[in-house]
Amino acid sequence: MTTLPKFETATPRLTSAVIDEAMAGGPPKRIEDLERFNAELRAHIEALLPQAERSVDALWRGDVVWSRRRTDLDAIKRLLENDLGNGLQSATHHVQSLARVCRRLLSYTGGDQ
């Protein structure tokens, strides 16, 4: 089992670098690389989630934006319950999903600026 790196604070620059590397095209990635991306992206997501939760909680609860983001945060938590799956295609899809989640969380927390 892979030990997750811990990030007390996910910096936008560091998170963006991991996202860009995970989403880069080209030849299929090796499973070892996908496992590393999985661990790094999960650590970034776990570091960003509390800040994103506070950001969403600060919105007016009757607003459409609040509802969409609240639903998205719940879906992100469910995504974190899954692993890479079987095979390279499944692992690649999962890592790319985690990378997109990181991007969204950065936008929720203002870290994408």
C-alpha atoms as a PDB file:
ATOM      1  CA  MET A   1       0.000   0.000   0.000  1.00  0.00           C
ATOM      2  CA  THR A   2       1.276   3.456  -0.888  1.00  0.00           C
ATOM      3  CA  THR A   3       1.840   5.939   1.906  1.00  0.00           C
ATOM      4  CA  LEU A   4       0.201   9.231   1.045  1.00  0.00           C
ATOM      5  CA  PRO A   5       2.412  12.296   1.183  1.00  0.00           C
ATOM      6  CA  LYS A   6       1.094  14.902   3.587  1.00  0.00           C
ATOM      7  CA  PHE A   7       0.654  18.509   2.559  1.00  0.00           C
ATOM      8  CA  GLU A   8      -0.307  20.883   5.336  1.00  0.00           C
ATOM      9  CA  THR A   9      -1.004  23.484   2.684  1.00  0.00           C
ATOM     10  CA  ALA A  10      -1.454  22.666  -0.976  1.00  0.00           C
ATOM     11  CA  THR A  11       0.169  25.538  -2.798  1.00  0.00           C
ATOM     12  CA  PRO A  12      -1.440  26.430  -6.124  1.00  0.00           C
ATOM     13  CA  ARG A  13       1.908  26.249  -7.943  1.00  0.00           C
ATOM     14  CA  LEU A  14       2.765  22.796  -6.591  1.00  0.00           C
ATOM     15  CA  THR A  15      -0.748  21.492  -7.157  1.00  0.00           C
ATOM     16  CA  SER A  16      -0.856  22.884 -10.716  1.00  0.00           C
ATOM     17  CA  ALA A  17       2.469  21.225 -11.522  1.00  0.00           C
ATOM     18  CA  VAL A  18       1.142  17.835 -10.401  1.00  0.00           C
ATOM     19  CA  ILE A  19      -2.113  18.388 -12.326  1.00  0.00           C
ATOM     20  CA  ASP A  20      -0.276  19.333 -15.517  1.00  0.00           C
ATOM     21  CA  GLU A  21       2.015  16.319 -15.267  1.00  0.00           C
ATOM     22  CA  ALA A  22      -0.878  13.932 -14.575  1.00  0.00           C
ATOM     23  CA  MET A  23      -2.950  15.305 -17.474  1.00  0.00           C
ATOM     24  CA  ALA A  24      -0.082  15.436 -19.985  1.00  0.00           C
ATOM     25  CA  GLY A  25      -0.727  13.546 -23.192  1.00  0.00           C
ATOM     26  CA  GLY A  26       1.708  11.273 -24.913  1.00  0.00           C
ATOM     27  CA  PRO A  27       2.336   7.582 -24.544  1.00  0.00           C
ATOM     28  CA  PRO A  28       0.452   5.700 -21.844  1.00  0.00           C
ATOM     29  CA  LYS A  29       1.898   6.185 -18.395  1.00  0.00           C
ATOM     30  CA  ARG A  30       3.380   3.317 -16.418  1.00  0.00           C
ATOM     31  CA  ILE A  31       1.363   1.983 -13.497  1.00  0.00           C
ATOM     32  CA  GLU A  32       4.111   3.164 -11.122  1.00  0.00           C
ATOM     33  CA  ASP A  33       3.657   6.728 -12.386  1.00  0.00           C
ATOM     34  CA  LEU A  34      -0.122   6.475 -12.048  1.00  0.00           C
ATOM     35  CA  GLU A  35       0.239   5.216  -8.472  1.00  0.00           C
ATOM     36  CA  ARG A  36       2.487   8.191  -7.676  1.00  0.00           C
ATOM     37  CA  PHE A  37       0.031  10.648  -9.272  1.00  0.00           C
ATOM     38  CA  ASN A  38      -2.812   8.995  -7.374  1.00  0.00           C
ATOM     39  CA  ALA A  39      -1.017   9.447  -4.050  1.00  0.00           C
ATOM     40  CA  GLU A  40       0.070  13.027  -4.769  1.00  0.00           C
ATOM     41  CA  LEU A  41      -3.296  14.178  -6.113  1.00  0.00           C
ATOM     42  CA  ARG A  42      -5.166  12.591  -3.199  1.00  0.00           C
ATOM     43  CA  ALA A  43      -2.863  14.380  -0.760  1.00  0.00           C
ATOM     44  CA  HIS A  44      -3.507  17.694  -2.516  1.00  0.00           C
ATOM     45  CA  ILE A  45      -7.267  17.081  -2.534  1.00  0.00           C
ATOM     46  CA  GLU A  46      -7.263  16.230   1.163  1.00  0.00           C
ATOM     47  CA  ALA A  47      -5.312  19.426   1.870  1.00  0.00           C
ATOM     48  CA  LEU A  48      -7.660  21.551  -0.279  1.00  0.00           C
ATOM     49  CA  LEU A  49     -10.995  20.063   0.853  1.00  0.00           C
ATOM     50  CA  PRO A  50     -11.272  21.847   4.221  1.00  0.00           C
ATOM     51  CA  GLN A  51     -10.599  25.224   2.614  1.00  0.00           C
ATOM     52  CA  ALA A  52     -13.051  24.465  -0.207  1.00  0.00           C
ATOM     53  CA  GLU A  53     -15.667  23.419   2.370  1.00  0.00           C
ATOM     54  CA  ARG A  54     -15.246  26.737   4.202  1.00  0.00           C
ATOM     55  CA  SER A  55     -15.463  28.633   0.915  1.00  0.00           C
ATOM     56  CA  VAL A  56     -18.691  26.871  -0.074  1.00  0.00           C
ATOM     57  CA  ASP A  57     -20.158  27.212   3.425  1.00  0.00           C
ATOM     58  CA  ALA A  58     -19.636  30.982   3.188  1.00  0.00           C
ATOM     59  CA  LEU A  59     -22.003  31.151   0.197  1.00  0.00           C
ATOM     60  CA  TRP A  60     -25.716  31.789   0.588  1.00  0.00           C
ATOM     61  CA  ARG A  61     -27.291  28.343   1.014  1.00  0.00           C
ATOM     62  CA  GLY A  62     -30.206  29.041  -1.288  1.00  0.00           C
ATOM     63  CA  ASP A  63     -27.966  29.970  -4.205  1.00  0.00           C
ATOM     64  CA  VAL A  64     -27.517  27.750  -7.258  1.00  0.00           C
ATOM     65  CA  VAL A  65     -23.721  28.102  -6.983  1.00  0.00           C
ATOM     66  CA  TRP A  66     -23.826  26.861  -3.374  1.00  0.00           C
ATOM     67  CA  SER A  67     -25.985  23.884  -4.375  1.00  0.00           C
ATOM     68  CA  ARG A  68     -23.735  22.895  -7.288  1.00  0.00           C
ATOM     69  CA  ARG A  69     -20.545  23.221  -5.272  1.00  0.00           C
ATOM     70  CA  ARG A  70     -21.986  21.373  -2.282  1.00  0.00           C
ATOM     71  CA  THR A  71     -23.046  18.532  -4.593  1.00  0.00           C
ATOM     72  CA  ASP A  72     -19.608  18.575  -6.214  1.00  0.00           C
ATOM     73  CA  LEU A  73     -17.831  18.368  -2.847  1.00  0.00           C
ATOM     74  CA  ASP A  74     -19.981  15.371  -1.915  1.00  0.00           C
ATOM     75  CA  ALA A  75     -19.100  13.698  -5.239  1.00  0.00           C
ATOM     76  CA  ILE A  76     -15.406  14.398  -4.629  1.00  0.00           C
ATOM     77  CA  LYS A  77     -15.595  12.610  -1.283  1.00  0.00           C
ATOM     78  CA  ARG A  78     -17.178   9.611  -3.006  1.00  0.00           C
ATOM     79  CA  LEU A  79     -14.439   9.648  -5.682  1.00  0.00           C
ATOM     80  CA  LEU A  80     -11.805   9.455  -2.942  1.00  0.00           C
ATOM     81  CA  GLU A  81     -13.386   6.198  -1.763  1.00  0.00           C
ATOM     82  CA  ASN A  82     -12.356   4.539  -5.054  1.00  0.00           C
ATOM     83  CA  ASP A  83      -8.941   3.280  -6.033  1.00  0.00           C
ATOM     84  CA  LEU A  84      -7.145   3.033  -9.370  1.00  0.00           C
ATOM     85  CA  GLY A  85      -9.117   0.007 -10.472  1.00  0.00           C
ATOM     86  CA  ASN A  86      -7.806  -2.793 -12.676  1.00  0.00           C
ATOM     87  CA  GLY A  87      -5.615  -1.994 -15.645  1.00  0.00           C
ATOM     88  CA  LEU A  88      -3.928   1.041 -17.133  1.00  0.00           C
ATOM     89  CA  GLN A  89      -7.038   2.510 -18.732  1.00  0.00           C
ATOM     90  CA  SER A  90      -8.969   2.511 -15.468  1.00  0.00           C
ATOM     91  CA  ALA A  91      -5.989   3.913 -13.555  1.00  0.00           C
ATOM     92  CA  THR A  92      -5.417   6.635 -16.162  1.00  0.00           C
ATOM     93  CA  HIS A  93      -9.081   7.660 -16.047  1.00  0.00           C
ATOM     94  CA  HIS A  94      -9.062   7.758 -12.239  1.00  0.00           C
ATOM     95  CA  VAL A  95      -5.890   9.883 -12.096  1.00  0.00           C
ATOM     96  CA  GLN A  96      -7.286  12.303 -14.682  1.00  0.00           C
ATOM     97  CA  SER A  97     -10.503  12.571 -12.647  1.00  0.00           C
ATOM     98  CA  LEU A  98      -8.451  13.403  -9.547  1.00  0.00           C
ATOM     99  CA  ALA A  99      -6.512  16.034 -11.519  1.00  0.00           C
ATOM    100  CA  ARG A 100      -9.761  17.677 -12.661  1.00  0.00           C
ATOM    101  CA  VAL A 101     -10.992  17.638  -9.059  1.00  0.00           C
ATOM    102  CA  CYS A 102      -7.815  19.417  -7.936  1.00  0.00           C
ATOM    103  CA  ARG A 103      -8.407  22.101 -10.552  1.00  0.00           C
ATOM    104  CA  ARG A 104     -11.977  22.622  -9.370  1.00  0.00           C
ATOM    105  CA  LEU A 105     -10.937  22.802  -5.733  1.00  0.00           C
ATOM    106  CA  LEU A 106      -8.293  25.385  -6.596  1.00  0.00           C
ATOM    107  CA  SER A 107     -10.972  27.454  -8.327  1.00  0.00           C
ATOM    108  CA  TYR A 108     -13.264  27.158  -5.282  1.00  0.00           C
ATOM    109  CA  THR A 109     -10.509  28.340  -2.951  1.00  0.00           C
ATOM    110  CA  GLY A 110      -9.194  31.106  -5.202  1.00  0.00           C
ATOM    111  CA  GLY A 111      -5.906  29.286  -5.766  1.00  0.00           C
ATOM    112  CA  ASP A 112      -6.242  29.232  -9.545  1.00  0.00           C
ATOM    113  CA  GLN A 113      -5.464  32.914  -9.919  1.00  0.00           C
END
